[in-house]
Amino acid sequence: NSVKGRVTISRDNAANTVDLEMNTLKPEDTAVYYCAA
């Protein structure tokens, strides 16, 4: 809920990547971000 509307996630299976697009960032978004499978 804290990021809904500001973040999108997408994957490219051919490239083996998953991306996180973050917009309208806030100071409370400051953190270490981890990818997980």
PDB file of all heavy atoms in Angstrom:
ATOM      1  N   ASN A   1       0.821  -1.212   0.000  1.00  0.00           N
ATOM      2  CA  ASN A   1       0.000   0.000   0.000  1.00  0.00           C
ATOM      3  C   ASN A   1       0.855   1.262   0.000  1.00  0.00           C
ATOM      4  O   ASN A   1       0.474   2.275  -0.571  1.00  0.00           O
ATOM      5  CB  ASN A   1      -0.928   0.003   1.212  1.00  0.00           C
ATOM      6  CG  ASN A   1      -2.052  -0.999   1.086  1.00  0.00           C
ATOM      7  OD1 ASN A   1      -2.444  -1.384  -0.022  1.00  0.00           O
ATOM      8  ND2 ASN A   1      -2.568  -1.460   2.210  1.00  0.00           N
ATOM      9  N   SER A   2       2.009   1.181   0.621  1.00  0.00           N
ATOM     10  CA  SER A   2       2.873   2.351   0.760  1.00  0.00           C
ATOM     11  C   SER A   2       3.442   2.831  -0.576  1.00  0.00           C
ATOM     12  O   SER A   2       3.874   3.983  -0.683  1.00  0.00           O
ATOM     13  CB  SER A   2       4.011   2.059   1.728  1.00  0.00           C
ATOM     14  OG  SER A   2       4.774   0.959   1.274  1.00  0.00           O
ATOM     15  N   VAL A   3       3.447   1.970  -1.570  1.00  0.00           N
ATOM     16  CA  VAL A   3       4.025   2.351  -2.869  1.00  0.00           C
ATOM     17  C   VAL A   3       3.020   2.275  -4.006  1.00  0.00           C
ATOM     18  O   VAL A   3       3.334   2.675  -5.135  1.00  0.00           O
ATOM     19  CB  VAL A   3       5.242   1.479  -3.221  1.00  0.00           C
ATOM     20  CG1 VAL A   3       6.309   1.601  -2.147  1.00  0.00           C
ATOM     21  CG2 VAL A   3       4.831   0.023  -3.436  1.00  0.00           C
ATOM     22  N   LYS A   4       1.830   1.800  -3.736  1.00  0.00           N
ATOM     23  CA  LYS A   4       0.834   1.611  -4.785  1.00  0.00           C
ATOM     24  C   LYS A   4       0.567   2.932  -5.514  1.00  0.00           C
ATOM     25  O   LYS A   4       0.377   3.972  -4.885  1.00  0.00           O
ATOM     26  CB  LYS A   4      -0.449   1.057  -4.176  1.00  0.00           C
ATOM     27  CG  LYS A   4      -1.401   0.426  -5.161  1.00  0.00           C
ATOM     28  CD  LYS A   4      -2.542  -0.264  -4.444  1.00  0.00           C
ATOM     29  CE  LYS A   4      -2.075  -1.442  -3.635  1.00  0.00           C
ATOM     30  NZ  LYS A   4      -3.189  -2.160  -2.969  1.00  0.00           N
ATOM     31  N   GLY A   5       0.569   2.865  -6.827  1.00  0.00           N
ATOM     32  CA  GLY A   5       0.364   4.065  -7.638  1.00  0.00           C
ATOM     33  C   GLY A   5       1.641   4.799  -7.974  1.00  0.00           C
ATOM     34  O   GLY A   5       1.644   5.675  -8.849  1.00  0.00           O
ATOM     35  N   ARG A   6       2.727   4.477  -7.290  1.00  0.00           N
ATOM     36  CA  ARG A   6       4.010   5.149  -7.549  1.00  0.00           C
ATOM     37  C   ARG A   6       5.051   4.202  -8.125  1.00  0.00           C
ATOM     38  O   ARG A   6       6.097   4.651  -8.606  1.00  0.00           O
ATOM     39  CB  ARG A   6       4.561   5.729  -6.247  1.00  0.00           C
ATOM     40  CG  ARG A   6       3.668   6.748  -5.578  1.00  0.00           C
ATOM     41  CD  ARG A   6       4.383   7.441  -4.415  1.00  0.00           C
ATOM     42  NE  ARG A   6       4.687   6.554  -3.311  1.00  0.00           N
ATOM     43  CZ  ARG A   6       5.925   6.325  -2.861  1.00  0.00           C
ATOM     44  NH1 ARG A   6       6.955   6.925  -3.436  1.00  0.00           N
ATOM     45  NH2 ARG A   6       6.120   5.521  -1.828  1.00  0.00           N
ATOM     46  N   VAL A   7       4.758   2.924  -8.099  1.00  0.00           N
ATOM     47  CA  VAL A   7       5.740   1.907  -8.468  1.00  0.00           C
ATOM     48  C   VAL A   7       5.145   0.943  -9.492  1.00  0.00           C
ATOM     49  O   VAL A   7       3.967   0.587  -9.407  1.00  0.00           O
ATOM     50  CB  VAL A   7       6.170   1.129  -7.204  1.00  0.00           C
ATOM     51  CG1 VAL A   7       6.900  -0.152  -7.559  1.00  0.00           C
ATOM     52  CG2 VAL A   7       7.042   1.992  -6.320  1.00  0.00           C
ATOM     53  N   THR A   8       5.954   0.538 -10.438  1.00  0.00           N
ATOM     54  CA  THR A   8       5.570  -0.539 -11.344  1.00  0.00           C
ATOM     55  C   THR A   8       6.665  -1.598 -11.338  1.00  0.00           C
ATOM     56  O   THR A   8       7.841  -1.298 -11.089  1.00  0.00           O
ATOM     57  CB  THR A   8       5.361  -0.037 -12.784  1.00  0.00           C
ATOM     58  OG1 THR A   8       6.575   0.555 -13.256  1.00  0.00           O
ATOM     59  CG2 THR A   8       4.239   0.985 -12.849  1.00  0.00           C
ATOM     60  N   ILE A   9       6.269  -2.823 -11.595  1.00  0.00           N
ATOM     61  CA  ILE A   9       7.216  -3.932 -11.677  1.00  0.00           C
ATOM     62  C   ILE A   9       6.999  -4.645 -12.997  1.00  0.00           C
ATOM     63  O   ILE A   9       5.867  -4.816 -13.448  1.00  0.00           O
ATOM     64  CB  ILE A   9       7.047  -4.890 -10.470  1.00  0.00           C
ATOM     65  CG1 ILE A   9       8.131  -5.968 -10.468  1.00  0.00           C
ATOM     66  CG2 ILE A   9       5.649  -5.497 -10.433  1.00  0.00           C
ATOM     67  CD1 ILE A   9       8.171  -6.804  -9.187  1.00  0.00           C
ATOM     68  N   SER A  10       8.099  -5.052 -13.602  1.00  0.00           N
ATOM     69  CA  SER A  10       7.996  -5.736 -14.878  1.00  0.00           C
ATOM     70  C   SER A  10       9.119  -6.760 -14.974  1.00  0.00           C
ATOM     71  O   SER A  10      10.134  -6.650 -14.282  1.00  0.00           O
ATOM     72  CB  SER A  10       8.098  -4.734 -16.039  1.00  0.00           C
ATOM     73  OG  SER A  10       9.319  -4.026 -15.990  1.00  0.00           O
ATOM     74  N   ARG A  11       8.937  -7.739 -15.855  1.00  0.00           N
ATOM     75  CA  ARG A  11       9.977  -8.747 -16.034  1.00  0.00           C
ATOM     76  C   ARG A  11      10.215  -8.995 -17.507  1.00  0.00           C
ATOM     77  O   ARG A  11       9.293  -8.863 -18.328  1.00  0.00           O
ATOM     78  CB  ARG A  11       9.602 -10.050 -15.330  1.00  0.00           C
ATOM     79  CG  ARG A  11       8.414 -10.792 -15.889  1.00  0.00           C
ATOM     80  CD  ARG A  11       8.026 -11.972 -14.990  1.00  0.00           C
ATOM     81  NE  ARG A  11       9.132 -12.928 -14.859  1.00  0.00           N
ATOM     82  CZ  ARG A  11       9.271 -13.769 -13.825  1.00  0.00           C
ATOM     83  NH1 ARG A  11       8.376 -13.760 -12.848  1.00  0.00           N
ATOM     84  NH2 ARG A  11      10.279 -14.614 -13.770  1.00  0.00           N
ATOM     85  N   ASP A  12      11.445  -9.346 -17.816  1.00  0.00           N
ATOM     86  CA  ASP A  12      11.849  -9.703 -19.173  1.00  0.00           C
ATOM     87  C   ASP A  12      12.507 -11.065 -19.076  1.00  0.00           C
ATOM     88  O   ASP A  12      13.676 -11.172 -18.698  1.00  0.00           O
ATOM     89  CB  ASP A  12      12.805  -8.649 -19.727  1.00  0.00           C
ATOM     90  CG  ASP A  12      13.218  -8.920 -21.161  1.00  0.00           C
ATOM     91  OD1 ASP A  12      13.066 -10.066 -21.627  1.00  0.00           O
ATOM     92  OD2 ASP A  12      13.715  -8.000 -21.819  1.00  0.00           O
ATOM     93  N   ASN A  13      11.770 -12.097 -19.403  1.00  0.00           N
ATOM     94  CA  ASN A  13      12.293 -13.456 -19.235  1.00  0.00           C
ATOM     95  C   ASN A  13      13.429 -13.772 -20.211  1.00  0.00           C
ATOM     96  O   ASN A  13      14.288 -14.595 -19.910  1.00  0.00           O
ATOM     97  CB  ASN A  13      11.166 -14.468 -19.396  1.00  0.00           C
ATOM     98  CG  ASN A  13      10.148 -14.383 -18.272  1.00  0.00           C
ATOM     99  OD1 ASN A  13      10.485 -14.036 -17.142  1.00  0.00           O
ATOM    100  ND2 ASN A  13       8.896 -14.684 -18.585  1.00  0.00           N
ATOM    101  N   ALA A  14      13.430 -13.132 -21.346  1.00  0.00           N
ATOM    102  CA  ALA A  14      14.515 -13.356 -22.300  1.00  0.00           C
ATOM    103  C   ALA A  14      15.834 -12.802 -21.776  1.00  0.00           C
ATOM    104  O   ALA A  14      16.902 -13.358 -22.042  1.00  0.00           O
ATOM    105  CB  ALA A  14      14.169 -12.718 -23.640  1.00  0.00           C
ATOM    106  N   ALA A  15      15.747 -11.718 -21.018  1.00  0.00           N
ATOM    107  CA  ALA A  15      16.946 -11.086 -20.476  1.00  0.00           C
ATOM    108  C   ALA A  15      17.213 -11.491 -19.038  1.00  0.00           C
ATOM    109  O   ALA A  15      18.218 -11.082 -18.450  1.00  0.00           O
ATOM    110  CB  ALA A  15      16.824  -9.568 -20.556  1.00  0.00           C
ATOM    111  N   ASN A  16      16.306 -12.290 -18.450  1.00  0.00           N
ATOM    112  CA  ASN A  16      16.426 -12.710 -17.046  1.00  0.00           C
ATOM    113  C   ASN A  16      16.477 -11.518 -16.099  1.00  0.00           C
ATOM    114  O   ASN A  16      17.290 -11.482 -15.162  1.00  0.00           O
ATOM    115  CB  ASN A  16      17.680 -13.580 -16.835  1.00  0.00           C
ATOM    116  CG  ASN A  16      17.506 -14.981 -17.375  1.00  0.00           C
ATOM    117  OD1 ASN A  16      16.491 -15.312 -17.964  1.00  0.00           O
ATOM    118  ND2 ASN A  16      18.521 -15.806 -17.197  1.00  0.00           N
ATOM    119  N   THR A  17      15.621 -10.547 -16.327  1.00  0.00           N
ATOM    120  CA  THR A  17      15.612  -9.376 -15.472  1.00  0.00           C
ATOM    121  C   THR A  17      14.209  -9.068 -14.945  1.00  0.00           C
ATOM    122  O   THR A  17      13.205  -9.380 -15.588  1.00  0.00           O
ATOM    123  CB  THR A  17      16.123  -8.134 -16.219  1.00  0.00           C
ATOM    124  OG1 THR A  17      15.303  -7.900 -17.375  1.00  0.00           O
ATOM    125  CG2 THR A  17      17.571  -8.299 -16.647  1.00  0.00           C
ATOM    126  N   VAL A  18      14.186  -8.451 -13.791  1.00  0.00           N
ATOM    127  CA  VAL A  18      12.961  -7.902 -13.235  1.00  0.00           C
ATOM    128  C   VAL A  18      13.277  -6.486 -12.777  1.00  0.00           C
ATOM    129  O   VAL A  18      14.267  -6.257 -12.092  1.00  0.00           O
ATOM    130  CB  VAL A  18      12.398  -8.766 -12.089  1.00  0.00           C
ATOM    131  CG1 VAL A  18      13.394  -8.949 -10.968  1.00  0.00           C
ATOM    132  CG2 VAL A  18      11.097  -8.178 -11.570  1.00  0.00           C
ATOM    133  N   ASP A  19      12.472  -5.534 -13.208  1.00  0.00           N
ATOM    134  CA  ASP A  19      12.715  -4.135 -12.935  1.00  0.00           C
ATOM    135  C   ASP A  19      11.661  -3.555 -12.005  1.00  0.00           C
ATOM    136  O   ASP A  19      10.493  -3.953 -12.039  1.00  0.00           O
ATOM    137  CB  ASP A  19      12.718  -3.335 -14.241  1.00  0.00           C
ATOM    138  CG  ASP A  19      13.917  -3.649 -15.102  1.00  0.00           C
ATOM    139  OD1 ASP A  19      14.848  -4.334 -14.614  1.00  0.00           O
ATOM    140  OD2 ASP A  19      13.932  -3.217 -16.261  1.00  0.00           O
ATOM    141  N   LEU A  20      12.095  -2.584 -11.235  1.00  0.00           N
ATOM    142  CA  LEU A  20      11.193  -1.845 -10.354  1.00  0.00           C
ATOM    143  C   LEU A  20      11.338  -0.368 -10.694  1.00  0.00           C
ATOM    144  O   LEU A  20      12.395   0.227 -10.475  1.00  0.00           O
ATOM    145  CB  LEU A  20      11.565  -2.084  -8.888  1.00  0.00           C
ATOM    146  CG  LEU A  20      10.615  -1.488  -7.856  1.00  0.00           C
ATOM    147  CD1 LEU A  20       9.315  -2.295  -7.833  1.00  0.00           C
ATOM    148  CD2 LEU A  20      11.258  -1.489  -6.472  1.00  0.00           C
ATOM    149  N   GLU A  21      10.294   0.188 -11.252  1.00  0.00           N
ATOM    150  CA  GLU A  21      10.268   1.610 -11.598  1.00  0.00           C
ATOM    151  C   GLU A  21       9.579   2.360 -10.473  1.00  0.00           C
ATOM    152  O   GLU A  21       8.425   2.066 -10.144  1.00  0.00           O
ATOM    153  CB  GLU A  21       9.514   1.821 -12.911  1.00  0.00           C
ATOM    154  CG  GLU A  21       9.413   3.267 -13.367  1.00  0.00           C
ATOM    155  CD  GLU A  21      10.691   3.773 -14.009  1.00  0.00           C
ATOM    156  OE1 GLU A  21      11.414   2.954 -14.601  1.00  0.00           O
ATOM    157  OE2 GLU A  21      10.961   4.984 -13.904  1.00  0.00           O
ATOM    158  N   MET A  22      10.300   3.299  -9.872  1.00  0.00           N
ATOM    159  CA  MET A  22       9.757   4.039  -8.739  1.00  0.00           C
ATOM    160  C   MET A  22       9.667   5.518  -9.078  1.00  0.00           C
ATOM    161  O   MET A  22      10.660   6.126  -9.491  1.00  0.00           O
ATOM    162  CB  MET A  22      10.642   3.842  -7.503  1.00  0.00           C
ATOM    163  CG  MET A  22      10.806   2.381  -7.106  1.00  0.00           C
ATOM    164  SD  MET A  22      11.673   2.192  -5.541  1.00  0.00           S
ATOM    165  CE  MET A  22      13.300   2.780  -5.996  1.00  0.00           C
ATOM    166  N   ASN A  23       8.507   6.081  -8.904  1.00  0.00           N
ATOM    167  CA  ASN A  23       8.262   7.483  -9.200  1.00  0.00           C
ATOM    168  C   ASN A  23       7.779   8.222  -7.957  1.00  0.00           C
ATOM    169  O   ASN A  23       7.378   7.595  -6.969  1.00  0.00           O
ATOM    170  CB  ASN A  23       7.217   7.595 -10.312  1.00  0.00           C
ATOM    171  CG  ASN A  23       7.640   6.902 -11.587  1.00  0.00           C
ATOM    172  OD1 ASN A  23       8.689   7.197 -12.145  1.00  0.00           O
ATOM    173  ND2 ASN A  23       6.830   5.963 -12.047  1.00  0.00           N
ATOM    174  N   THR A  24       7.812   9.535  -8.042  1.00  0.00           N
ATOM    175  CA  THR A  24       7.365  10.381  -6.928  1.00  0.00           C
ATOM    176  C   THR A  24       7.952   9.880  -5.605  1.00  0.00           C
ATOM    177  O   THR A  24       7.245   9.642  -4.620  1.00  0.00           O
ATOM    178  CB  THR A  24       5.824  10.405  -6.848  1.00  0.00           C
ATOM    179  OG1 THR A  24       5.258  10.476  -8.159  1.00  0.00           O
ATOM    180  CG2 THR A  24       5.347  11.630  -6.074  1.00  0.00           C
ATOM    181  N   LEU A  25       9.248   9.703  -5.608  1.00  0.00           N
ATOM    182  CA  LEU A  25       9.914   9.136  -4.436  1.00  0.00           C
ATOM    183  C   LEU A  25       9.822  10.073  -3.245  1.00  0.00           C
ATOM    184  O   LEU A  25       9.829  11.306  -3.382  1.00  0.00           O
ATOM    185  CB  LEU A  25      11.362   8.830  -4.761  1.00  0.00           C
ATOM    186  CG  LEU A  25      11.559   7.551  -5.597  1.00  0.00           C
ATOM    187  CD1 LEU A  25      12.919   7.542  -6.261  1.00  0.00           C
ATOM    188  CD2 LEU A  25      11.361   6.320  -4.738  1.00  0.00           C
ATOM    189  N   LYS A  26       9.761   9.463  -2.063  1.00  0.00           N
ATOM    190  CA  LYS A  26       9.654  10.180  -0.800  1.00  0.00           C
ATOM    191  C   LYS A  26      10.839   9.819   0.089  1.00  0.00           C
ATOM    192  O   LYS A  26      11.415   8.735  -0.066  1.00  0.00           O
ATOM    193  CB  LYS A  26       8.360   9.784  -0.090  1.00  0.00           C
ATOM    194  CG  LYS A  26       7.097   9.964  -0.910  1.00  0.00           C
ATOM    195  CD  LYS A  26       5.889   9.434  -0.165  1.00  0.00           C
ATOM    196  CE  LYS A  26       4.615   9.573  -0.992  1.00  0.00           C
ATOM    197  NZ  LYS A  26       3.428   9.053  -0.257  1.00  0.00           N
ATOM    198  N   PRO A  27      11.199  10.681   1.021  1.00  0.00           N
ATOM    199  CA  PRO A  27      12.298  10.335   1.947  1.00  0.00           C
ATOM    200  C   PRO A  27      12.071   9.002   2.654  1.00  0.00           C
ATOM    201  O   PRO A  27      13.039   8.272   2.914  1.00  0.00           O
ATOM    202  CB  PRO A  27      12.297  11.508   2.921  1.00  0.00           C
ATOM    203  CG  PRO A  27      11.789  12.659   2.115  1.00  0.00           C
ATOM    204  CD  PRO A  27      10.734  12.055   1.218  1.00  0.00           C
ATOM    205  N   GLU A  28      10.836   8.651   2.919  1.00  0.00           N
ATOM    206  CA  GLU A  28      10.551   7.386   3.603  1.00  0.00           C
ATOM    207  C   GLU A  28      10.760   6.167   2.700  1.00  0.00           C
ATOM    208  O   GLU A  28      10.681   5.032   3.161  1.00  0.00           O
ATOM    209  CB  GLU A  28       9.137   7.370   4.179  1.00  0.00           C
ATOM    210  CG  GLU A  28       8.046   7.762   3.212  1.00  0.00           C
ATOM    211  CD  GLU A  28       7.662   9.233   3.342  1.00  0.00           C
ATOM    212  OE1 GLU A  28       8.575  10.086   3.463  1.00  0.00           O
ATOM    213  OE2 GLU A  28       6.446   9.518   3.290  1.00  0.00           O
ATOM    214  N   ASP A  29      11.047   6.399   1.434  1.00  0.00           N
ATOM    215  CA  ASP A  29      11.416   5.296   0.544  1.00  0.00           C
ATOM    216  C   ASP A  29      12.894   4.934   0.679  1.00  0.00           C
ATOM    217  O   ASP A  29      13.347   3.953   0.067  1.00  0.00           O
ATOM    218  CB  ASP A  29      11.120   5.645  -0.912  1.00  0.00           C
ATOM    219  CG  ASP A  29       9.634   5.810  -1.186  1.00  0.00           C
ATOM    220  OD1 ASP A  29       8.847   4.970  -0.689  1.00  0.00           O
ATOM    221  OD2 ASP A  29       9.265   6.760  -1.902  1.00  0.00           O
ATOM    222  N   THR A  30      13.632   5.696   1.423  1.00  0.00           N
ATOM    223  CA  THR A  30      15.054   5.424   1.625  1.00  0.00           C
ATOM    224  C   THR A  30      15.236   4.083   2.309  1.00  0.00           C
ATOM    225  O   THR A  30      14.667   3.830   3.376  1.00  0.00           O
ATOM    226  CB  THR A  30      15.693   6.538   2.474  1.00  0.00           C
ATOM    227  OG1 THR A  30      15.644   7.763   1.746  1.00  0.00           O
ATOM    228  CG2 THR A  30      17.135   6.194   2.811  1.00  0.00           C
ATOM    229  N   ALA A  31      16.030   3.216   1.686  1.00  0.00           N
ATOM    230  CA  ALA A  31      16.243   1.866   2.207  1.00  0.00           C
ATOM    231  C   ALA A  31      17.214   1.136   1.294  1.00  0.00           C
ATOM    232  O   ALA A  31      17.546   1.619   0.200  1.00  0.00           O
ATOM    233  CB  ALA A  31      14.921   1.094   2.263  1.00  0.00           C
ATOM    234  N   VAL A  32      17.625  -0.024   1.744  1.00  0.00           N
ATOM    235  CA  VAL A  32      18.309  -0.963   0.865  1.00  0.00           C
ATOM    236  C   VAL A  32      17.216  -1.824   0.217  1.00  0.00           C
ATOM    237  O   VAL A  32      16.367  -2.387   0.911  1.00  0.00           O
ATOM    238  CB  VAL A  32      19.303  -1.847   1.629  1.00  0.00           C
ATOM    239  CG1 VAL A  32      19.942  -2.863   0.678  1.00  0.00           C
ATOM    240  CG2 VAL A  32      20.372  -0.998   2.294  1.00  0.00           C
ATOM    241  N   TYR A  33      17.261  -1.911  -1.102  1.00  0.00           N
ATOM    242  CA  TYR A  33      16.246  -2.648  -1.852  1.00  0.00           C
ATOM    243  C   TYR A  33      16.834  -3.988  -2.297  1.00  0.00           C
ATOM    244  O   TYR A  33      17.937  -4.038  -2.855  1.00  0.00           O
ATOM    245  CB  TYR A  33      15.784  -1.840  -3.051  1.00  0.00           C
ATOM    246  CG  TYR A  33      14.825  -0.742  -2.664  1.00  0.00           C
ATOM    247  CD1 TYR A  33      15.262   0.375  -1.960  1.00  0.00           C
ATOM    248  CD2 TYR A  33      13.468  -0.824  -2.976  1.00  0.00           C
ATOM    249  CE1 TYR A  33      14.374   1.369  -1.576  1.00  0.00           C
ATOM    250  CE2 TYR A  33      12.576   0.169  -2.601  1.00  0.00           C
ATOM    251  CZ  TYR A  33      13.031   1.266  -1.894  1.00  0.00           C
ATOM    252  OH  TYR A  33      12.151   2.246  -1.508  1.00  0.00           O
ATOM    253  N   TYR A  34      16.051  -5.036  -2.050  1.00  0.00           N
ATOM    254  CA  TYR A  34      16.475  -6.391  -2.357  1.00  0.00           C
ATOM    255  C   TYR A  34      15.549  -7.036  -3.385  1.00  0.00           C
ATOM    256  O   TYR A  34      14.325  -6.919  -3.286  1.00  0.00           O
ATOM    257  CB  TYR A  34      16.465  -7.258  -1.102  1.00  0.00           C
ATOM    258  CG  TYR A  34      17.410  -6.811  -0.021  1.00  0.00           C
ATOM    259  CD1 TYR A  34      16.998  -5.924   0.971  1.00  0.00           C
ATOM    260  CD2 TYR A  34      18.723  -7.286   0.019  1.00  0.00           C
ATOM    261  CE1 TYR A  34      17.866  -5.518   1.971  1.00  0.00           C
ATOM    262  CE2 TYR A  34      19.595  -6.885   1.016  1.00  0.00           C
ATOM    263  CZ  TYR A  34      19.153  -6.000   1.986  1.00  0.00           C
ATOM    264  OH  TYR A  34      20.017  -5.602   2.975  1.00  0.00           O
ATOM    265  N   CYS A  35      16.147  -7.742  -4.299  1.00  0.00           N
ATOM    266  CA  CYS A  35      15.412  -8.567  -5.250  1.00  0.00           C
ATOM    267  C   CYS A  35      15.341  -9.983  -4.680  1.00  0.00           C
ATOM    268  O   CYS A  35      16.298 -10.443  -4.042  1.00  0.00           O
ATOM    269  CB  CYS A  35      16.172  -8.549  -6.576  1.00  0.00           C
ATOM    270  SG  CYS A  35      15.566  -9.668  -7.839  1.00  0.00           S
ATOM    271  N   ALA A  36      14.223 -10.656  -4.903  1.00  0.00           N
ATOM    272  CA  ALA A  36      14.067 -12.003  -4.361  1.00  0.00           C
ATOM    273  C   ALA A  36      13.306 -12.887  -5.340  1.00  0.00           C
ATOM    274  O   ALA A  36      12.441 -12.406  -6.087  1.00  0.00           O
ATOM    275  CB  ALA A  36      13.328 -11.952  -3.024  1.00  0.00           C
ATOM    276  N   ALA A  37      13.614 -14.163  -5.310  1.00  0.00           N
ATOM    277  CA  ALA A  37      12.929 -15.153  -6.151  1.00  0.00           C
ATOM    278  C   ALA A  37      12.156 -16.115  -5.262  1.00  0.00           C
ATOM    279  O   ALA A  37      12.689 -16.616  -4.271  1.00  0.00           O
ATOM    280  CB  ALA A  37      13.937 -15.915  -7.010  1.00  0.00           C
TER     281      ALA A  37
END
